[in-house]
Amino acid sequence: MKTIKMTLLLAFLTIGSISFAQSESHGHTLNLGLGIGGYAGYYHYTGTSMPVFNVNYEFDVAKNFTLAPFITFFTYQADHYRENVIPIGVKGSYYFDQIVEAGSHWDFYLAGSLGFALVNSTWDNDYYGDRDYYIHPNPVFLDLHIGTEYKFNNHIGMFLDLSTGVSTIGLAIH
């Protein structure tokens, strides 16, 4: 029920607020990020998480608020077991630039991501143990973020996005 309410809220904000986009745009930005992690509580066993690749495109919805459809790719590997995980969803960001007053080159934001994760699990051919040992996660993807971007000019910036799951550093193309 919470997922339905959040989806409806995001849809309402998207449809109902597009005309209120601000003059200082945070949207129309392609963000390409590399990082580490997986989403919080995803794995209860030991193993290694491979680098994460994240792509999103931000567009203005309201003053200081953007939505960004995203897709993320990462792989998790444990003994005899591998999962390819692809979270897909939307990230909503609220920018605090006017409160922080750090200058026109800086953006500061809090955000939340909501979506679902596609998971492909594979086992080594020579593994004959309990294949039900690893519990597959809930496909709902939820992540909270705090981040900043430094704009080198009007077209290129660099961002750091710290989150409860997938943290990335990357390039922002305006």
C-alpha atoms as a PDB file:
ATOM      1  CA  MET A   1       0.000   0.000   0.000  1.00  0.00           C
ATOM      2  CA  LYS A   2       2.891   2.392   0.790  1.00  0.00           C
ATOM      3  CA  THR A   3       4.361   1.764  -2.651  1.00  0.00           C
ATOM      4  CA  ILE A   4       1.072   2.664  -4.334  1.00  0.00           C
ATOM      5  CA  LYS A   5       0.765   5.851  -2.265  1.00  0.00           C
ATOM      6  CA  MET A   6       4.349   6.901  -3.082  1.00  0.00           C
ATOM      7  CA  THR A   7       3.817   6.203  -6.785  1.00  0.00           C
ATOM      8  CA  LEU A   8       0.617   8.239  -6.823  1.00  0.00           C
ATOM      9  CA  LEU A   9       2.317  11.088  -4.950  1.00  0.00           C
ATOM     10  CA  LEU A  10       5.199  11.177  -7.439  1.00  0.00           C
ATOM     11  CA  ALA A  11       2.774  11.059 -10.380  1.00  0.00           C
ATOM     12  CA  PHE A  12       0.727  13.916  -8.889  1.00  0.00           C
ATOM     13  CA  LEU A  13       3.845  16.005  -8.341  1.00  0.00           C
ATOM     14  CA  THR A  14       5.013  15.332 -11.874  1.00  0.00           C
ATOM     15  CA  ILE A  15       1.734  16.115 -13.622  1.00  0.00           C
ATOM     16  CA  GLY A  16       0.497  18.870 -11.332  1.00  0.00           C
ATOM     17  CA  SER A  17       3.700  20.837 -10.873  1.00  0.00           C
ATOM     18  CA  ILE A  18       5.443  20.999 -14.248  1.00  0.00           C
ATOM     19  CA  SER A  19       4.243  24.560 -14.867  1.00  0.00           C
ATOM     20  CA  PHE A  20       5.908  25.767 -11.642  1.00  0.00           C
ATOM     21  CA  ALA A  21       9.476  24.999 -12.756  1.00  0.00           C
ATOM     22  CA  GLN A  22      11.954  27.543 -11.438  1.00  0.00           C
ATOM     23  CA  SER A  23      14.152  29.942 -13.353  1.00  0.00           C
ATOM     24  CA  GLU A  24      17.396  28.466 -11.924  1.00  0.00           C
ATOM     25  CA  SER A  25      17.168  25.049 -13.464  1.00  0.00           C
ATOM     26  CA  HIS A  26      18.503  21.915 -11.800  1.00  0.00           C
ATOM     27  CA  GLY A  27      16.863  19.753 -14.425  1.00  0.00           C
ATOM     28  CA  HIS A  28      17.744  18.856 -17.984  1.00  0.00           C
ATOM     29  CA  THR A  29      20.801  17.117 -16.573  1.00  0.00           C
ATOM     30  CA  LEU A  30      22.250  13.739 -17.522  1.00  0.00           C
ATOM     31  CA  ASN A  31      24.071  12.213 -14.543  1.00  0.00           C
ATOM     32  CA  LEU A  32      26.564   9.380 -15.122  1.00  0.00           C
ATOM     33  CA  GLY A  33      27.901   7.854 -11.931  1.00  0.00           C
ATOM     34  CA  LEU A  34      30.234   5.117 -10.735  1.00  0.00           C
ATOM     35  CA  GLY A  35      30.205   3.881  -7.183  1.00  0.00           C
ATOM     36  CA  ILE A  36      29.954   1.107  -4.670  1.00  0.00           C
ATOM     37  CA  GLY A  37      27.210  -0.546  -2.692  1.00  0.00           C
ATOM     38  CA  GLY A  38      23.911  -2.238  -3.076  1.00  0.00           C
ATOM     39  CA  TYR A  39      20.668  -1.304  -1.521  1.00  0.00           C
ATOM     40  CA  ALA A  40      20.339  -1.350   2.257  1.00  0.00           C
ATOM     41  CA  GLY A  41      19.544  -4.702   3.839  1.00  0.00           C
ATOM     42  CA  TYR A  42      19.891  -6.449   0.499  1.00  0.00           C
ATOM     43  CA  TYR A  43      22.434  -9.071   1.488  1.00  0.00           C
ATOM     44  CA  HIS A  44      22.624 -10.951   4.746  1.00  0.00           C
ATOM     45  CA  TYR A  45      25.710 -12.959   3.802  1.00  0.00           C
ATOM     46  CA  THR A  46      29.308 -12.179   2.997  1.00  0.00           C
ATOM     47  CA  GLY A  47      30.605 -11.672  -0.504  1.00  0.00           C
ATOM     48  CA  THR A  48      31.798  -8.896  -2.763  1.00  0.00           C
ATOM     49  CA  SER A  49      29.868  -6.185  -4.553  1.00  0.00           C
ATOM     50  CA  MET A  50      31.268  -5.121  -7.895  1.00  0.00           C
ATOM     51  CA  PRO A  51      31.331  -1.454  -8.976  1.00  0.00           C
ATOM     52  CA  VAL A  52      27.971   0.197  -9.540  1.00  0.00           C
ATOM     53  CA  PHE A  53      27.046   2.118 -12.699  1.00  0.00           C
ATOM     54  CA  ASN A  54      24.131   4.575 -12.462  1.00  0.00           C
ATOM     55  CA  VAL A  55      22.458   6.715 -15.138  1.00  0.00           C
ATOM     56  CA  ASN A  56      19.657   9.210 -14.530  1.00  0.00           C
ATOM     57  CA  TYR A  57      18.161  12.207 -16.282  1.00  0.00           C
ATOM     58  CA  GLU A  58      16.800  15.038 -14.120  1.00  0.00           C
ATOM     59  CA  PHE A  59      13.988  17.329 -15.132  1.00  0.00           C
ATOM     60  CA  ASP A  60      12.451  20.233 -13.211  1.00  0.00           C
ATOM     61  CA  VAL A  61       9.077  19.625 -11.601  1.00  0.00           C
ATOM     62  CA  ALA A  62       8.728  22.527  -9.149  1.00  0.00           C
ATOM     63  CA  LYS A  63      10.916  25.201  -7.596  1.00  0.00           C
ATOM     64  CA  ASN A  64      13.998  23.433  -6.184  1.00  0.00           C
ATOM     65  CA  PHE A  65      12.511  19.974  -6.958  1.00  0.00           C
ATOM     66  CA  THR A  66      13.475  17.538  -9.728  1.00  0.00           C
ATOM     67  CA  LEU A  67      12.539  14.028 -10.762  1.00  0.00           C
ATOM     68  CA  ALA A  68      15.036  11.747 -12.447  1.00  0.00           C
ATOM     69  CA  PRO A  69      14.185   8.395 -14.008  1.00  0.00           C
ATOM     70  CA  PHE A  70      17.164   6.117 -13.335  1.00  0.00           C
ATOM     71  CA  ILE A  71      18.675   2.750 -14.103  1.00  0.00           C
ATOM     72  CA  THR A  72      21.492   1.213 -12.083  1.00  0.00           C
ATOM     73  CA  PHE A  73      23.627  -1.864 -12.733  1.00  0.00           C
ATOM     74  CA  PHE A  74      25.665  -3.871 -10.245  1.00  0.00           C
ATOM     75  CA  THR A  75      26.764  -7.430  -9.609  1.00  0.00           C
ATOM     76  CA  TYR A  76      27.096  -9.224  -6.307  1.00  0.00           C
ATOM     77  CA  GLN A  77      29.213 -12.343  -5.993  1.00  0.00           C
ATOM     78  CA  ALA A  78      29.610 -14.905  -3.209  1.00  0.00           C
ATOM     79  CA  ASP A  79      31.018 -18.437  -3.228  1.00  0.00           C
ATOM     80  CA  HIS A  80      29.443 -20.298  -6.176  1.00  0.00           C
ATOM     81  CA  TYR A  81      26.758 -17.622  -6.517  1.00  0.00           C
ATOM     82  CA  ARG A  82      26.323 -14.454  -8.547  1.00  0.00           C
ATOM     83  CA  GLU A  83      23.511 -11.915  -8.871  1.00  0.00           C
ATOM     84  CA  ASN A  84      23.164  -9.249 -11.529  1.00  0.00           C
ATOM     85  CA  VAL A  85      20.924  -6.520 -10.116  1.00  0.00           C
ATOM     86  CA  ILE A  86      19.266  -3.751 -12.155  1.00  0.00           C
ATOM     87  CA  PRO A  87      17.240  -1.259 -10.098  1.00  0.00           C
ATOM     88  CA  ILE A  88      14.921   0.938 -12.221  1.00  0.00           C
ATOM     89  CA  GLY A  89      12.802   3.797 -10.922  1.00  0.00           C
ATOM     90  CA  VAL A  90      12.595   7.516 -10.210  1.00  0.00           C
ATOM     91  CA  LYS A  91      14.652   9.729  -7.910  1.00  0.00           C
ATOM     92  CA  GLY A  92      13.086  12.855  -6.427  1.00  0.00           C
ATOM     93  CA  SER A  93      15.545  15.579  -5.318  1.00  0.00           C
ATOM     94  CA  TYR A  94      14.988  18.750  -3.330  1.00  0.00           C
ATOM     95  CA  TYR A  95      17.729  21.399  -3.686  1.00  0.00           C
ATOM     96  CA  PHE A  96      18.781  23.542  -0.716  1.00  0.00           C
ATOM     97  CA  ASP A  97      20.931  26.024  -2.647  1.00  0.00           C
ATOM     98  CA  GLN A  98      19.063  29.096  -1.380  1.00  0.00           C
ATOM     99  CA  ILE A  99      19.396  27.982   2.260  1.00  0.00           C
ATOM    100  CA  VAL A 100      23.074  26.985   2.043  1.00  0.00           C
ATOM    101  CA  GLU A 101      24.118  30.058  -0.018  1.00  0.00           C
ATOM    102  CA  ALA A 102      27.346  28.394  -1.170  1.00  0.00           C
ATOM    103  CA  GLY A 103      27.539  30.149  -4.544  1.00  0.00           C
ATOM    104  CA  SER A 104      26.332  29.514  -8.049  1.00  0.00           C
ATOM    105  CA  HIS A 105      28.833  26.714  -8.727  1.00  0.00           C
ATOM    106  CA  TRP A 106      27.431  24.494  -5.956  1.00  0.00           C
ATOM    107  CA  ASP A 107      24.197  22.495  -5.608  1.00  0.00           C
ATOM    108  CA  PHE A 108      23.166  20.651  -2.413  1.00  0.00           C
ATOM    109  CA  TYR A 109      20.232  18.246  -2.223  1.00  0.00           C
ATOM    110  CA  LEU A 110      18.333  15.573  -0.312  1.00  0.00           C
ATOM    111  CA  ALA A 111      16.635  12.881  -2.356  1.00  0.00           C
ATOM    112  CA  GLY A 112      14.731   9.624  -2.319  1.00  0.00           C
ATOM    113  CA  SER A 113      14.626   6.878  -4.932  1.00  0.00           C
ATOM    114  CA  LEU A 114      11.728   4.509  -5.482  1.00  0.00           C
ATOM    115  CA  GLY A 115      11.545   1.707  -8.002  1.00  0.00           C
ATOM    116  CA  PHE A 116      11.974  -2.004  -8.448  1.00  0.00           C
ATOM    117  CA  ALA A 117      14.966  -4.282  -8.936  1.00  0.00           C
ATOM    118  CA  LEU A 118      15.384  -6.880 -11.644  1.00  0.00           C
ATOM    119  CA  VAL A 119      17.555  -9.704 -10.284  1.00  0.00           C
ATOM    120  CA  ASN A 120      19.210 -12.496 -12.268  1.00  0.00           C
ATOM    121  CA  SER A 121      20.765 -15.189 -10.053  1.00  0.00           C
ATOM    122  CA  THR A 122      23.219 -17.804 -11.290  1.00  0.00           C
ATOM    123  CA  TRP A 123      25.065 -20.672  -9.626  1.00  0.00           C
ATOM    124  CA  ASP A 124      28.346 -22.310 -10.631  1.00  0.00           C
ATOM    125  CA  ASN A 125      27.772 -25.536 -12.574  1.00  0.00           C
ATOM    126  CA  ASP A 126      29.839 -27.539 -10.081  1.00  0.00           C
ATOM    127  CA  TYR A 127      27.865 -26.339  -7.022  1.00  0.00           C
ATOM    128  CA  TYR A 128      25.638 -29.043  -5.525  1.00  0.00           C
ATOM    129  CA  GLY A 129      24.789 -27.405  -2.195  1.00  0.00           C
ATOM    130  CA  ASP A 130      21.582 -25.784  -0.998  1.00  0.00           C
ATOM    131  CA  ARG A 131      20.531 -23.360  -3.749  1.00  0.00           C
ATOM    132  CA  ASP A 132      17.765 -21.993  -1.513  1.00  0.00           C
ATOM    133  CA  TYR A 133      20.302 -20.770   1.083  1.00  0.00           C
ATOM    134  CA  TYR A 134      20.367 -17.219  -0.280  1.00  0.00           C
ATOM    135  CA  ILE A 135      17.096 -15.379   0.209  1.00  0.00           C
ATOM    136  CA  HIS A 136      16.117 -13.178  -2.708  1.00  0.00           C
ATOM    137  CA  PRO A 137      15.319  -9.602  -1.752  1.00  0.00           C
ATOM    138  CA  ASN A 138      12.053  -7.783  -2.013  1.00  0.00           C
ATOM    139  CA  PRO A 139      11.959  -6.332  -5.554  1.00  0.00           C
ATOM    140  CA  VAL A 140      10.956  -2.875  -4.235  1.00  0.00           C
ATOM    141  CA  PHE A 141      13.934  -0.511  -4.404  1.00  0.00           C
ATOM    142  CA  LEU A 142      14.033   2.337  -1.860  1.00  0.00           C
ATOM    143  CA  ASP A 143      17.065   4.562  -1.274  1.00  0.00           C
ATOM    144  CA  LEU A 144      17.689   7.876   0.543  1.00  0.00           C
ATOM    145  CA  HIS A 145      20.374  10.307  -0.687  1.00  0.00           C
ATOM    146  CA  ILE A 146      22.321  13.390   0.305  1.00  0.00           C
ATOM    147  CA  GLY A 147      24.487  14.945  -2.368  1.00  0.00           C
ATOM    148  CA  THR A 148      26.304  17.842  -3.884  1.00  0.00           C
ATOM    149  CA  GLU A 149      27.406  18.956  -7.328  1.00  0.00           C
ATOM    150  CA  TYR A 150      30.158  21.349  -8.323  1.00  0.00           C
ATOM    151  CA  LYS A 151      29.531  22.983 -11.709  1.00  0.00           C
ATOM    152  CA  PHE A 152      32.731  23.727 -13.647  1.00  0.00           C
ATOM    153  CA  ASN A 153      30.686  25.748 -16.160  1.00  0.00           C
ATOM    154  CA  ASN A 154      27.125  25.849 -17.526  1.00  0.00           C
ATOM    155  CA  HIS A 155      27.536  22.479 -19.241  1.00  0.00           C
ATOM    156  CA  ILE A 156      29.667  20.204 -17.044  1.00  0.00           C
ATOM    157  CA  GLY A 157      29.702  19.402 -13.337  1.00  0.00           C
ATOM    158  CA  MET A 158      30.896  16.719 -10.951  1.00  0.00           C
ATOM    159  CA  PHE A 159      28.674  15.219  -8.253  1.00  0.00           C
ATOM    160  CA  LEU A 160      28.934  13.113  -5.108  1.00  0.00           C
ATOM    161  CA  ASP A 161      25.790  11.235  -4.081  1.00  0.00           C
ATOM    162  CA  LEU A 162      25.913   9.437  -0.718  1.00  0.00           C
ATOM    163  CA  SER A 163      23.021   7.137   0.033  1.00  0.00           C
ATOM    164  CA  THR A 164      21.689   4.328   2.168  1.00  0.00           C
ATOM    165  CA  GLY A 165      22.521   1.930  -0.639  1.00  0.00           C
ATOM    166  CA  VAL A 166      24.198   2.906  -3.889  1.00  0.00           C
ATOM    167  CA  SER A 167      26.673   5.801  -3.433  1.00  0.00           C
ATOM    168  CA  THR A 168      28.186   7.311  -6.575  1.00  0.00           C
ATOM    169  CA  ILE A 169      30.562   9.948  -7.857  1.00  0.00           C
ATOM    170  CA  GLY A 170      30.225  11.115 -11.394  1.00  0.00           C
ATOM    171  CA  LEU A 171      29.768  13.547 -14.211  1.00  0.00           C
ATOM    172  CA  ALA A 172      26.744  15.830 -14.661  1.00  0.00           C
ATOM    173  CA  ILE A 173      26.060  17.040 -18.203  1.00  0.00           C
ATOM    174  CA  HIS A 174      23.703  20.041 -18.382  1.00  0.00           C
END
